[in-house]
Amino acid sequence: MWIFTEKGFFSVAQHYTKEGCFQIKSRAPGVLEEYWPDYEIEILDNADYRYRITIEKYEVIPIVVKALERVDYSNFKSKCFHMNDYHHALMGVWSEMNNYQTRLESD
């Protein structure tokens, strides 16, 4: 699952060997530090998502719920405008998903 927050982007996936754990992956360490400051970040030089933490599932869900509860904006992209590089990446995702919607509607 991809999650885009006003603090950054991360991916949540089942850990490949630990049944009760997620692996939270990111392309930038800051978002992991923001949401899970007490966890050691693994850095994998040869992985697509270089920064990762392994964490039990029950510890992830409340953090994601709290992020949802803090949503106080009506436009996500505008909320992230001050983070230039991240905002630029968000616009790329928005554009691709807009193109996807257009293709679906034209079929």
PDB file of N, CA and C in Angstrom:
ATOM      1  N   MET A   1       0.845  -1.172   0.000  1.00  0.00           N
ATOM      2  CA  MET A   1       0.000   0.000   0.000  1.00  0.00           C
ATOM      3  C   MET A   1       0.894   1.240   0.000  1.00  0.00           C
ATOM      4  N   TRP A   2       0.634   2.132  -0.883  1.00  0.00           N
ATOM      5  CA  TRP A   2       1.358   3.397  -0.894  1.00  0.00           C
ATOM      6  C   TRP A   2       0.580   4.411  -0.072  1.00  0.00           C
ATOM      7  N   ILE A   3       1.281   5.149   0.767  1.00  0.00           N
ATOM      8  CA  ILE A   3       0.651   6.178   1.589  1.00  0.00           C
ATOM      9  C   ILE A   3       1.428   7.478   1.403  1.00  0.00           C
ATOM     10  N   PHE A   4       0.711   8.485   0.953  1.00  0.00           N
ATOM     11  CA  PHE A   4       1.277   9.818   0.795  1.00  0.00           C
ATOM     12  C   PHE A   4       0.714  10.688   1.906  1.00  0.00           C
ATOM     13  N   THR A   5       1.581  11.258   2.722  1.00  0.00           N
ATOM     14  CA  THR A   5       1.158  12.140   3.807  1.00  0.00           C
ATOM     15  C   THR A   5       1.807  13.496   3.602  1.00  0.00           C
ATOM     16  N   GLU A   6       1.402  14.458   4.394  1.00  0.00           N
ATOM     17  CA  GLU A   6       2.028  15.779   4.303  1.00  0.00           C
ATOM     18  C   GLU A   6       3.464  15.761   4.835  1.00  0.00           C
ATOM     19  N   LYS A   7       3.867  14.653   5.438  1.00  0.00           N
ATOM     20  CA  LYS A   7       5.243  14.489   5.928  1.00  0.00           C
ATOM     21  C   LYS A   7       6.119  13.733   4.942  1.00  0.00           C
ATOM     22  N   GLY A   8       5.517  13.061   3.966  1.00  0.00           N
ATOM     23  CA  GLY A   8       6.266  12.293   2.990  1.00  0.00           C
ATOM     24  C   GLY A   8       5.522  11.037   2.574  1.00  0.00           C
ATOM     25  N   PHE A   9       6.186  10.231   1.787  1.00  0.00           N
ATOM     26  CA  PHE A   9       5.621   9.029   1.180  1.00  0.00           C
ATOM     27  C   PHE A   9       6.276   7.780   1.760  1.00  0.00           C
ATOM     28  N   PHE A  10       5.453   6.747   1.988  1.00  0.00           N
ATOM     29  CA  PHE A  10       6.009   5.450   2.355  1.00  0.00           C
ATOM     30  C   PHE A  10       5.116   4.341   1.815  1.00  0.00           C
ATOM     31  N   SER A  11       5.693   3.172   1.730  1.00  0.00           N
ATOM     32  CA  SER A  11       5.001   1.984   1.272  1.00  0.00           C
ATOM     33  C   SER A  11       4.916   0.997   2.424  1.00  0.00           C
ATOM     34  N   VAL A  12       3.759   0.387   2.582  1.00  0.00           N
ATOM     35  CA  VAL A  12       3.550  -0.615   3.631  1.00  0.00           C
ATOM     36  C   VAL A  12       3.354  -1.962   2.945  1.00  0.00           C
ATOM     37  N   ALA A  13       4.138  -2.943   3.344  1.00  0.00           N
ATOM     38  CA  ALA A  13       4.025  -4.283   2.769  1.00  0.00           C
ATOM     39  C   ALA A  13       4.237  -5.326   3.861  1.00  0.00           C
ATOM     40  N   GLN A  14       3.656  -6.471   3.642  1.00  0.00           N
ATOM     41  CA  GLN A  14       3.905  -7.604   4.528  1.00  0.00           C
ATOM     42  C   GLN A  14       5.403  -7.898   4.515  1.00  0.00           C
ATOM     43  N   HIS A  15       6.005  -8.061   5.685  1.00  0.00           N
ATOM     44  CA  HIS A  15       7.416  -8.447   5.727  1.00  0.00           C
ATOM     45  C   HIS A  15       7.548  -9.829   5.113  1.00  0.00           C
ATOM     46  N   TYR A  16       8.568 -10.030   4.327  1.00  0.00           N
ATOM     47  CA  TYR A  16       8.710 -11.268   3.558  1.00  0.00           C
ATOM     48  C   TYR A  16       9.019 -12.501   4.396  1.00  0.00           C
ATOM     49  N   THR A  17       9.506 -12.344   5.630  1.00  0.00           N
ATOM     50  CA  THR A  17       9.773 -13.519   6.469  1.00  0.00           C
ATOM     51  C   THR A  17       9.127 -13.448   7.851  1.00  0.00           C
ATOM     52  N   LYS A  18       8.630 -12.295   8.257  1.00  0.00           N
ATOM     53  CA  LYS A  18       8.058 -12.134   9.599  1.00  0.00           C
ATOM     54  C   LYS A  18       6.555 -11.926   9.495  1.00  0.00           C
ATOM     55  N   GLU A  19       5.818 -12.969   9.823  1.00  0.00           N
ATOM     56  CA  GLU A  19       4.377 -12.996   9.602  1.00  0.00           C
ATOM     57  C   GLU A  19       3.615 -11.839  10.244  1.00  0.00           C
ATOM     58  N   GLY A  20       3.914 -11.480  11.450  1.00  0.00           N
ATOM     59  CA  GLY A  20       3.165 -10.432  12.150  1.00  0.00           C
ATOM     60  C   GLY A  20       3.712  -9.037  11.951  1.00  0.00           C
ATOM     61  N   CYS A  21       4.569  -8.870  10.969  1.00  0.00           N
ATOM     62  CA  CYS A  21       5.239  -7.577  10.780  1.00  0.00           C
ATOM     63  C   CYS A  21       5.006  -6.996   9.393  1.00  0.00           C
ATOM     64  N   PHE A  22       5.000  -5.679   9.380  1.00  0.00           N
ATOM     65  CA  PHE A  22       5.063  -4.944   8.130  1.00  0.00           C
ATOM     66  C   PHE A  22       6.501  -4.529   7.894  1.00  0.00           C
ATOM     67  N   GLN A  23       6.815  -4.306   6.655  1.00  0.00           N
ATOM     68  CA  GLN A  23       8.039  -3.598   6.318  1.00  0.00           C
ATOM     69  C   GLN A  23       7.571  -2.262   5.747  1.00  0.00           C
ATOM     70  N   ILE A  24       7.979  -1.186   6.411  1.00  0.00           N
ATOM     71  CA  ILE A  24       7.640   0.155   5.967  1.00  0.00           C
ATOM     72  C   ILE A  24       8.838   0.649   5.170  1.00  0.00           C
ATOM     73  N   LYS A  25       8.596   1.011   3.915  1.00  0.00           N
ATOM     74  CA  LYS A  25       9.683   1.369   3.006  1.00  0.00           C
ATOM     75  C   LYS A  25       9.492   2.805   2.531  1.00  0.00           C
ATOM     76  N   SER A  26      10.615   3.484   2.326  1.00  0.00           N
ATOM     77  CA  SER A  26      10.539   4.847   1.816  1.00  0.00           C
ATOM     78  C   SER A  26      11.766   5.152   0.968  1.00  0.00           C
ATOM     79  N   ARG A  27      11.641   6.158   0.151  1.00  0.00           N
ATOM     80  CA  ARG A  27      12.764   6.620  -0.664  1.00  0.00           C
ATOM     81  C   ARG A  27      13.535   7.732   0.041  1.00  0.00           C
ATOM     82  N   ALA A  28      12.986   8.217   1.137  1.00  0.00           N
ATOM     83  CA  ALA A  28      13.641   9.256   1.943  1.00  0.00           C
ATOM     84  C   ALA A  28      13.450   8.890   3.417  1.00  0.00           C
ATOM     85  N   PRO A  29      14.470   9.012   4.241  1.00  0.00           N
ATOM     86  CA  PRO A  29      14.355   8.560   5.627  1.00  0.00           C
ATOM     87  C   PRO A  29      13.497   9.448   6.521  1.00  0.00           C
ATOM     88  N   GLY A  30      13.327  10.700   6.154  1.00  0.00           N
ATOM     89  CA  GLY A  30      12.647  11.649   7.036  1.00  0.00           C
ATOM     90  C   GLY A  30      11.251  11.248   7.448  1.00  0.00           C
ATOM     91  N   VAL A  31      10.481  10.708   6.533  1.00  0.00           N
ATOM     92  CA  VAL A  31       9.107  10.331   6.862  1.00  0.00           C
ATOM     93  C   VAL A  31       9.080   9.168   7.847  1.00  0.00           C
ATOM     94  N   LEU A  32      10.025   8.254   7.729  1.00  0.00           N
ATOM     95  CA  LEU A  32      10.101   7.148   8.692  1.00  0.00           C
ATOM     96  C   LEU A  32      10.499   7.674  10.065  1.00  0.00           C
ATOM     97  N   GLU A  33      11.446   8.590  10.098  1.00  0.00           N
ATOM     98  CA  GLU A  33      11.869   9.207  11.366  1.00  0.00           C
ATOM     99  C   GLU A  33      10.721   9.973  12.005  1.00  0.00           C
ATOM    100  N   GLU A  34       9.905  10.605  11.175  1.00  0.00           N
ATOM    101  CA  GLU A  34       8.774  11.402  11.671  1.00  0.00           C
ATOM    102  C   GLU A  34       7.715  10.523  12.342  1.00  0.00           C
ATOM    103  N   TYR A  35       7.336   9.446  11.691  1.00  0.00           N
ATOM    104  CA  TYR A  35       6.249   8.616  12.196  1.00  0.00           C
ATOM    105  C   TYR A  35       6.700   7.523  13.163  1.00  0.00           C
ATOM    106  N   TRP A  36       7.917   7.030  12.992  1.00  0.00           N
ATOM    107  CA  TRP A  36       8.425   5.948  13.852  1.00  0.00           C
ATOM    108  C   TRP A  36       9.827   6.303  14.355  1.00  0.00           C
ATOM    109  N   PRO A  37       9.943   7.325  15.195  1.00  0.00           N
ATOM    110  CA  PRO A  37      11.262   7.815  15.615  1.00  0.00           C
ATOM    111  C   PRO A  37      12.060   6.838  16.472  1.00  0.00           C
ATOM    112  N   ASP A  38      11.399   5.874  17.077  1.00  0.00           N
ATOM    113  CA  ASP A  38      12.090   4.948  17.973  1.00  0.00           C
ATOM    114  C   ASP A  38      12.598   3.689  17.280  1.00  0.00           C
ATOM    115  N   TYR A  39      12.459   3.634  15.968  1.00  0.00           N
ATOM    116  CA  TYR A  39      12.866   2.438  15.231  1.00  0.00           C
ATOM    117  C   TYR A  39      14.103   2.716  14.388  1.00  0.00           C
ATOM    118  N   GLU A  40      14.957   1.711  14.353  1.00  0.00           N
ATOM    119  CA  GLU A  40      16.163   1.814  13.540  1.00  0.00           C
ATOM    120  C   GLU A  40      15.793   1.673  12.066  1.00  0.00           C
ATOM    121  N   ILE A  41      16.318   2.554  11.259  1.00  0.00           N
ATOM    122  CA  ILE A  41      16.080   2.509   9.819  1.00  0.00           C
ATOM    123  C   ILE A  41      17.172   1.675   9.173  1.00  0.00           C
ATOM    124  N   GLU A  42      16.754   0.653   8.429  1.00  0.00           N
ATOM    125  CA  GLU A  42      17.698  -0.140   7.647  1.00  0.00           C
ATOM    126  C   GLU A  42      17.956   0.620   6.345  1.00  0.00           C
ATOM    127  N   ILE A  43      19.198   0.650   5.926  1.00  0.00           N
ATOM    128  CA  ILE A  43      19.546   1.300   4.665  1.00  0.00           C
ATOM    129  C   ILE A  43      20.107   0.237   3.736  1.00  0.00           C
ATOM    130  N   LEU A  44      19.409   0.031   2.632  1.00  0.00           N
ATOM    131  CA  LEU A  44      19.796  -0.990   1.663  1.00  0.00           C
ATOM    132  C   LEU A  44      20.226  -0.296   0.376  1.00  0.00           C
ATOM    133  N   ASP A  45      21.498  -0.363   0.074  1.00  0.00           N
ATOM    134  CA  ASP A  45      22.018   0.349  -1.089  1.00  0.00           C
ATOM    135  C   ASP A  45      21.516  -0.185  -2.419  1.00  0.00           C
ATOM    136  N   ASN A  46      21.127  -1.445  -2.473  1.00  0.00           N
ATOM    137  CA  ASN A  46      20.732  -2.037  -3.740  1.00  0.00           C
ATOM    138  C   ASN A  46      19.222  -2.223  -3.885  1.00  0.00           C
ATOM    139  N   ALA A  47      18.437  -1.600  -3.043  1.00  0.00           N
ATOM    140  CA  ALA A  47      16.980  -1.761  -3.076  1.00  0.00           C
ATOM    141  C   ALA A  47      16.310  -0.544  -3.704  1.00  0.00           C
ATOM    142  N   ASP A  48      15.137  -0.763  -4.279  1.00  0.00           N
ATOM    143  CA  ASP A  48      14.419   0.375  -4.848  1.00  0.00           C
ATOM    144  C   ASP A  48      13.963   1.343  -3.758  1.00  0.00           C
ATOM    145  N   TYR A  49      13.466   0.821  -2.659  1.00  0.00           N
ATOM    146  CA  TYR A  49      13.181   1.648  -1.489  1.00  0.00           C
ATOM    147  C   TYR A  49      14.347   1.464  -0.541  1.00  0.00           C
ATOM    148  N   ARG A  50      15.228   2.413  -0.506  1.00  0.00           N
ATOM    149  CA  ARG A  50      16.478   2.264   0.239  1.00  0.00           C
ATOM    150  C   ARG A  50      16.267   2.239   1.749  1.00  0.00           C
ATOM    151  N   TYR A  51      15.286   2.974   2.257  1.00  0.00           N
ATOM    152  CA  TYR A  51      15.102   3.133   3.701  1.00  0.00           C
ATOM    153  C   TYR A  51      13.911   2.301   4.162  1.00  0.00           C
ATOM    154  N   ARG A  52      14.127   1.499   5.215  1.00  0.00           N
ATOM    155  CA  ARG A  52      13.091   0.568   5.664  1.00  0.00           C
ATOM    156  C   ARG A  52      13.123   0.392   7.177  1.00  0.00           C
ATOM    157  N   ILE A  53      11.962   0.113   7.708  1.00  0.00           N
ATOM    158  CA  ILE A  53      11.877  -0.352   9.088  1.00  0.00           C
ATOM    159  C   ILE A  53      10.988  -1.589   9.105  1.00  0.00           C
ATOM    160  N   THR A  54      11.286  -2.483   9.999  1.00  0.00           N
ATOM    161  CA  THR A  54      10.462  -3.662  10.230  1.00  0.00           C
ATOM    162  C   THR A  54       9.761  -3.439  11.552  1.00  0.00           C
ATOM    163  N   ILE A  55       8.448  -3.582  11.539  1.00  0.00           N
ATOM    164  CA  ILE A  55       7.664  -3.226  12.716  1.00  0.00           C
ATOM    165  C   ILE A  55       6.422  -4.109  12.798  1.00  0.00           C
ATOM    166  N   GLU A  56       6.041  -4.442  14.000  1.00  0.00           N
ATOM    167  CA  GLU A  56       4.848  -5.263  14.171  1.00  0.00           C
ATOM    168  C   GLU A  56       3.620  -4.494  13.691  1.00  0.00           C
ATOM    169  N   LYS A  57       2.715  -5.224  13.074  1.00  0.00           N
ATOM    170  CA  LYS A  57       1.546  -4.604  12.450  1.00  0.00           C
ATOM    171  C   LYS A  57       0.737  -3.767  13.431  1.00  0.00           C
ATOM    172  N   TYR A  58       0.569  -4.279  14.659  1.00  0.00           N
ATOM    173  CA  TYR A  58      -0.265  -3.556  15.621  1.00  0.00           C
ATOM    174  C   TYR A  58       0.326  -2.197  15.999  1.00  0.00           C
ATOM    175  N   GLU A  59       1.614  -1.982  15.723  1.00  0.00           N
ATOM    176  CA  GLU A  59       2.240  -0.702  16.016  1.00  0.00           C
ATOM    177  C   GLU A  59       2.121   0.283  14.851  1.00  0.00           C
ATOM    178  N   VAL A  60       1.805  -0.202  13.681  1.00  0.00           N
ATOM    179  CA  VAL A  60       1.693   0.661  12.503  1.00  0.00           C
ATOM    180  C   VAL A  60       0.312   1.288  12.403  1.00  0.00           C
ATOM    181  N   ILE A  61      -0.706   0.494  12.609  1.00  0.00           N
ATOM    182  CA  ILE A  61      -2.076   0.925  12.368  1.00  0.00           C
ATOM    183  C   ILE A  61      -2.456   2.180  13.152  1.00  0.00           C
ATOM    184  N   PRO A  62      -2.167   2.292  14.449  1.00  0.00           N
ATOM    185  CA  PRO A  62      -2.545   3.519  15.167  1.00  0.00           C
ATOM    186  C   PRO A  62      -1.847   4.772  14.628  1.00  0.00           C
ATOM    187  N   ILE A  63      -0.633   4.621  14.133  1.00  0.00           N
ATOM    188  CA  ILE A  63       0.100   5.768  13.589  1.00  0.00           C
ATOM    189  C   ILE A  63      -0.568   6.256  12.309  1.00  0.00           C
ATOM    190  N   VAL A  64      -0.981   5.326  11.468  1.00  0.00           N
ATOM    191  CA  VAL A  64      -1.659   5.691  10.224  1.00  0.00           C
ATOM    192  C   VAL A  64      -3.025   6.306  10.536  1.00  0.00           C
ATOM    193  N   VAL A  65      -3.730   5.753  11.495  1.00  0.00           N
ATOM    194  CA  VAL A  65      -5.028   6.311  11.889  1.00  0.00           C
ATOM    195  C   VAL A  65      -4.851   7.735  12.413  1.00  0.00           C
ATOM    196  N   LYS A  66      -3.835   7.978  13.230  1.00  0.00           N
ATOM    197  CA  LYS A  66      -3.580   9.332  13.751  1.00  0.00           C
ATOM    198  C   LYS A  66      -3.283  10.303  12.617  1.00  0.00           C
ATOM    199  N   ALA A  67      -2.548   9.857  11.610  1.00  0.00           N
ATOM    200  CA  ALA A  67      -2.268  10.714  10.453  1.00  0.00           C
ATOM    201  C   ALA A  67      -3.574  11.090   9.751  1.00  0.00           C
ATOM    202  N   LEU A  68      -4.477  10.136   9.634  1.00  0.00           N
ATOM    203  CA  LEU A  68      -5.785  10.422   9.032  1.00  0.00           C
ATOM    204  C   LEU A  68      -6.581  11.414   9.883  1.00  0.00           C
ATOM    205  N   GLU A  69      -6.535  11.231  11.177  1.00  0.00           N
ATOM    206  CA  GLU A  69      -7.294  12.117  12.076  1.00  0.00           C
ATOM    207  C   GLU A  69      -6.777  13.552  12.046  1.00  0.00           C
ATOM    208  N   ARG A  70      -5.511  13.734  11.691  1.00  0.00           N
ATOM    209  CA  ARG A  70      -4.925  15.082  11.652  1.00  0.00           C
ATOM    210  C   ARG A  70      -5.174  15.814  10.328  1.00  0.00           C
ATOM    211  N   VAL A  71      -5.819  15.173   9.373  1.00  0.00           N
ATOM    212  CA  VAL A  71      -6.082  15.837   8.089  1.00  0.00           C
ATOM    213  C   VAL A  71      -6.990  17.037   8.340  1.00  0.00           C
ATOM    214  N   ASP A  72      -6.467  18.221   8.019  1.00  0.00           N
ATOM    215  CA  ASP A  72      -7.209  19.464   8.231  1.00  0.00           C
ATOM    216  C   ASP A  72      -7.204  20.342   6.981  1.00  0.00           C
ATOM    217  N   TYR A  73      -6.942  19.749   5.846  1.00  0.00           N
ATOM    218  CA  TYR A  73      -6.822  20.495   4.597  1.00  0.00           C
ATOM    219  C   TYR A  73      -7.820  19.952   3.586  1.00  0.00           C
ATOM    220  N   SER A  74      -8.187  20.812   2.638  1.00  0.00           N
ATOM    221  CA  SER A  74      -9.104  20.378   1.590  1.00  0.00           C
ATOM    222  C   SER A  74      -8.377  20.106   0.275  1.00  0.00           C
ATOM    223  N   ASN A  75      -7.076  20.415   0.235  1.00  0.00           N
ATOM    224  CA  ASN A  75      -6.287  20.156  -0.972  1.00  0.00           C
ATOM    225  C   ASN A  75      -4.908  19.666  -0.540  1.00  0.00           C
ATOM    226  N   PHE A  76      -4.651  18.385  -0.775  1.00  0.00           N
ATOM    227  CA  PHE A  76      -3.416  17.759  -0.325  1.00  0.00           C
ATOM    228  C   PHE A  76      -2.188  18.384  -0.989  1.00  0.00           C
ATOM    229  N   LYS A  77      -2.249  18.577  -2.296  1.00  0.00           N
ATOM    230  CA  LYS A  77      -1.083  19.116  -3.008  1.00  0.00           C
ATOM    231  C   LYS A  77      -0.721  20.503  -2.470  1.00  0.00           C
ATOM    232  N   SER A  78      -1.724  21.310  -2.182  1.00  0.00           N
ATOM    233  CA  SER A  78      -1.451  22.648  -1.634  1.00  0.00           C
ATOM    234  C   SER A  78      -0.816  22.566  -0.252  1.00  0.00           C
ATOM    235  N   LYS A  79      -1.244  21.598   0.535  1.00  0.00           N
ATOM    236  CA  LYS A  79      -0.675  21.412   1.874  1.00  0.00           C
ATOM    237  C   LYS A  79       0.824  21.118   1.796  1.00  0.00           C
ATOM    238  N   CYS A  80       1.248  20.453   0.726  1.00  0.00           N
ATOM    239  CA  CYS A  80       2.647  20.040   0.572  1.00  0.00           C
ATOM    240  C   CYS A  80       3.451  20.980  -0.314  1.00  0.00           C
ATOM    241  N   PHE A  81       2.875  22.102  -0.698  1.00  0.00           N
ATOM    242  CA  PHE A  81       3.518  23.013  -1.643  1.00  0.00           C
ATOM    243  C   PHE A  81       4.886  23.491  -1.165  1.00  0.00           C
ATOM    244  N   HIS A  82       5.052  23.686   0.137  1.00  0.00           N
ATOM    245  CA  HIS A  82       6.305  24.208   0.701  1.00  0.00           C
ATOM    246  C   HIS A  82       7.470  23.219   0.617  1.00  0.00           C
ATOM    247  N   MET A  83       7.167  21.950   0.372  1.00  0.00           N
ATOM    248  CA  MET A  83       8.206  20.916   0.256  1.00  0.00           C
ATOM    249  C   MET A  83       8.485  20.711  -1.235  1.00  0.00           C
ATOM    250  N   ASN A  84       9.336  21.544  -1.800  1.00  0.00           N
ATOM    251  CA  ASN A  84       9.492  21.643  -3.255  1.00  0.00           C
ATOM    252  C   ASN A  84       9.700  20.311  -3.961  1.00  0.00           C
ATOM    253  N   ASP A  85      10.687  19.534  -3.571  1.00  0.00           N
ATOM    254  CA  ASP A  85      10.970  18.274  -4.252  1.00  0.00           C
ATOM    255  C   ASP A  85       9.821  17.278  -4.098  1.00  0.00           C
ATOM    256  N   TYR A  86       9.286  17.188  -2.902  1.00  0.00           N
ATOM    257  CA  TYR A  86       8.171  16.281  -2.651  1.00  0.00           C
ATOM    258  C   TYR A  86       6.941  16.718  -3.443  1.00  0.00           C
ATOM    259  N   HIS A  87       6.660  18.010  -3.432  1.00  0.00           N
ATOM    260  CA  HIS A  87       5.518  18.533  -4.181  1.00  0.00           C
ATOM    261  C   HIS A  87       5.658  18.216  -5.668  1.00  0.00           C
ATOM    262  N   HIS A  88       6.861  18.377  -6.196  1.00  0.00           N
ATOM    263  CA  HIS A  88       7.103  18.059  -7.601  1.00  0.00           C
ATOM    264  C   HIS A  88       6.803  16.578  -7.872  1.00  0.00           C
ATOM    265  N   ALA A  89       7.256  15.706  -6.985  1.00  0.00           N
ATOM    266  CA  ALA A  89       6.978  14.273  -7.138  1.00  0.00           C
ATOM    267  C   ALA A  89       5.471  13.999  -7.045  1.00  0.00           C
ATOM    268  N   LEU A  90       4.795  14.657  -6.112  1.00  0.00           N
ATOM    269  CA  LEU A  90       3.344  14.488  -5.983  1.00  0.00           C
ATOM    270  C   LEU A  90       2.623  14.902  -7.254  1.00  0.00           C
ATOM    271  N   MET A  91       3.079  15.964  -7.871  1.00  0.00           N
ATOM    272  CA  MET A  91       2.454  16.423  -9.112  1.00  0.00           C
ATOM    273  C   MET A  91       2.629  15.388 -10.215  1.00  0.00           C
ATOM    274  N   GLY A  92       3.768  14.710 -10.230  1.00  0.00           N
ATOM    275  CA  GLY A  92       3.975  13.643 -11.200  1.00  0.00           C
ATOM    276  C   GLY A  92       2.999  12.495 -10.985  1.00  0.00           C
ATOM    277  N   VAL A  93       2.807  12.113  -9.729  1.00  0.00           N
ATOM    278  CA  VAL A  93       1.850  11.049  -9.407  1.00  0.00           C
ATOM    279  C   VAL A  93       0.440  11.501  -9.778  1.00  0.00           C
ATOM    280  N   TRP A  94       0.086  12.723  -9.400  1.00  0.00           N
ATOM    281  CA  TRP A  94      -1.237  13.262  -9.723  1.00  0.00           C
ATOM    282  C   TRP A  94      -1.476  13.230 -11.230  1.00  0.00           C
ATOM    283  N   SER A  95      -0.483  13.644 -11.998  1.00  0.00           N
ATOM    284  CA  SER A  95      -0.612  13.693 -13.451  1.00  0.00           C
ATOM    285  C   SER A  95      -0.822  12.292 -14.034  1.00  0.00           C
ATOM    286  N   GLU A  96      -0.035  11.335 -13.568  1.00  0.00           N
ATOM    287  CA  GLU A  96      -0.182   9.968 -14.068  1.00  0.00           C
ATOM    288  C   GLU A  96      -1.548   9.386 -13.714  1.00  0.00           C
ATOM    289  N   MET A  97      -2.022   9.645 -12.507  1.00  0.00           N
ATOM    290  CA  MET A  97      -3.324   9.128 -12.113  1.00  0.00           C
ATOM    291  C   MET A  97      -4.450   9.856 -12.857  1.00  0.00           C
ATOM    292  N   ASN A  98      -4.267  11.119 -13.167  1.00  0.00           N
ATOM    293  CA  ASN A  98      -5.230  11.852 -13.981  1.00  0.00           C
ATOM    294  C   ASN A  98      -5.290  11.239 -15.388  1.00  0.00           C
ATOM    295  N   ASN A  99      -4.133  10.905 -15.938  1.00  0.00           N
ATOM    296  CA  ASN A  99      -4.092  10.250 -17.250  1.00  0.00           C
ATOM    297  C   ASN A  99      -4.790   8.885 -17.189  1.00  0.00           C
ATOM    298  N   TYR A 100      -4.584   8.161 -16.117  1.00  0.00           N
ATOM    299  CA  TYR A 100      -5.236   6.858 -15.924  1.00  0.00           C
ATOM    300  C   TYR A 100      -6.759   7.022 -15.923  1.00  0.00           C
ATOM    301  N   GLN A 101      -7.234   8.001 -15.180  1.00  0.00           N
ATOM    302  CA  GLN A 101      -8.671   8.271 -15.125  1.00  0.00           C
ATOM    303  C   GLN A 101      -9.197   8.608 -16.517  1.00  0.00           C
ATOM    304  N   THR A 102      -8.498   9.440 -17.238  1.00  0.00           N
ATOM    305  CA  THR A 102      -8.918   9.827 -18.589  1.00  0.00           C
ATOM    306  C   THR A 102      -9.008   8.609 -19.512  1.00  0.00           C
ATOM    307  N   ARG A 103      -8.017   7.715 -19.408  1.00  0.00           N
ATOM    308  CA  ARG A 103      -8.037   6.506 -20.241  1.00  0.00           C
ATOM    309  C   ARG A 103      -9.227   5.610 -19.873  1.00  0.00           C
ATOM    310  N   LEU A 104      -9.494   5.469 -18.573  1.00  0.00           N
ATOM    311  CA  LEU A 104     -10.631   4.649 -18.142  1.00  0.00           C
ATOM    312  C   LEU A 104     -11.941   5.215 -18.676  1.00  0.00           C
ATOM    313  N   GLU A 105     -12.075   6.521 -18.611  1.00  0.00           N
ATOM    314  CA  GLU A 105     -13.312   7.158 -19.032  1.00  0.00           C
ATOM    315  C   GLU A 105     -13.486   7.158 -20.539  1.00  0.00           C
ATOM    316  N   SER A 106     -12.422   6.982 -21.285  1.00  0.00           N
ATOM    317  CA  SER A 106     -12.528   7.000 -22.744  1.00  0.00           C
ATOM    318  C   SER A 106     -12.785   5.612 -23.330  1.00  0.00           C
ATOM    319  N   ASP A 107     -12.697   4.580 -22.487  1.00  0.00           N
ATOM    320  CA  ASP A 107     -12.960   3.209 -22.977  1.00  0.00           C
ATOM    321  C   ASP A 107     -14.433   2.934 -23.160  1.00  0.00           C
TER     322      ASP A 107
END
